[in-house]
């Protein structure tokens, strides 16, 4: 939107720019968000915790009675661990072979705009 001069030429168009919010997600942040949702949801929590331990050797502790669940730093900072867990969930290839794409990289690339954001 920002590069479209026509938007800014309308009356009060500058007000839109004042409230602009930059939303840039890197791959680690995107998957960290997904892990957070897996841990929040009662129907996926136990299986996801088990998967983290078996696939990436990462333990997730949830204190009894806690409503706030923190995703372990190893799942937020380590892209190799994230990739290992995601590939255990979705596989390493899409379609019949690697020429169709890799799910771990395909998702962020296809959520991004033309500038990779």
Foldseek 3Di string as FASTA:
>chain_A
DVVDVVQCPDPPSVVVVVPDDDDDDDLLRVLLVVVQVLCLDPVRNVVLQVLLCVQPVDHFDDDPPDNDGDDDVCSRPPVVSSLRSVCVVVNQDPDPDCVRHGVSPVVQQVVADPVSD
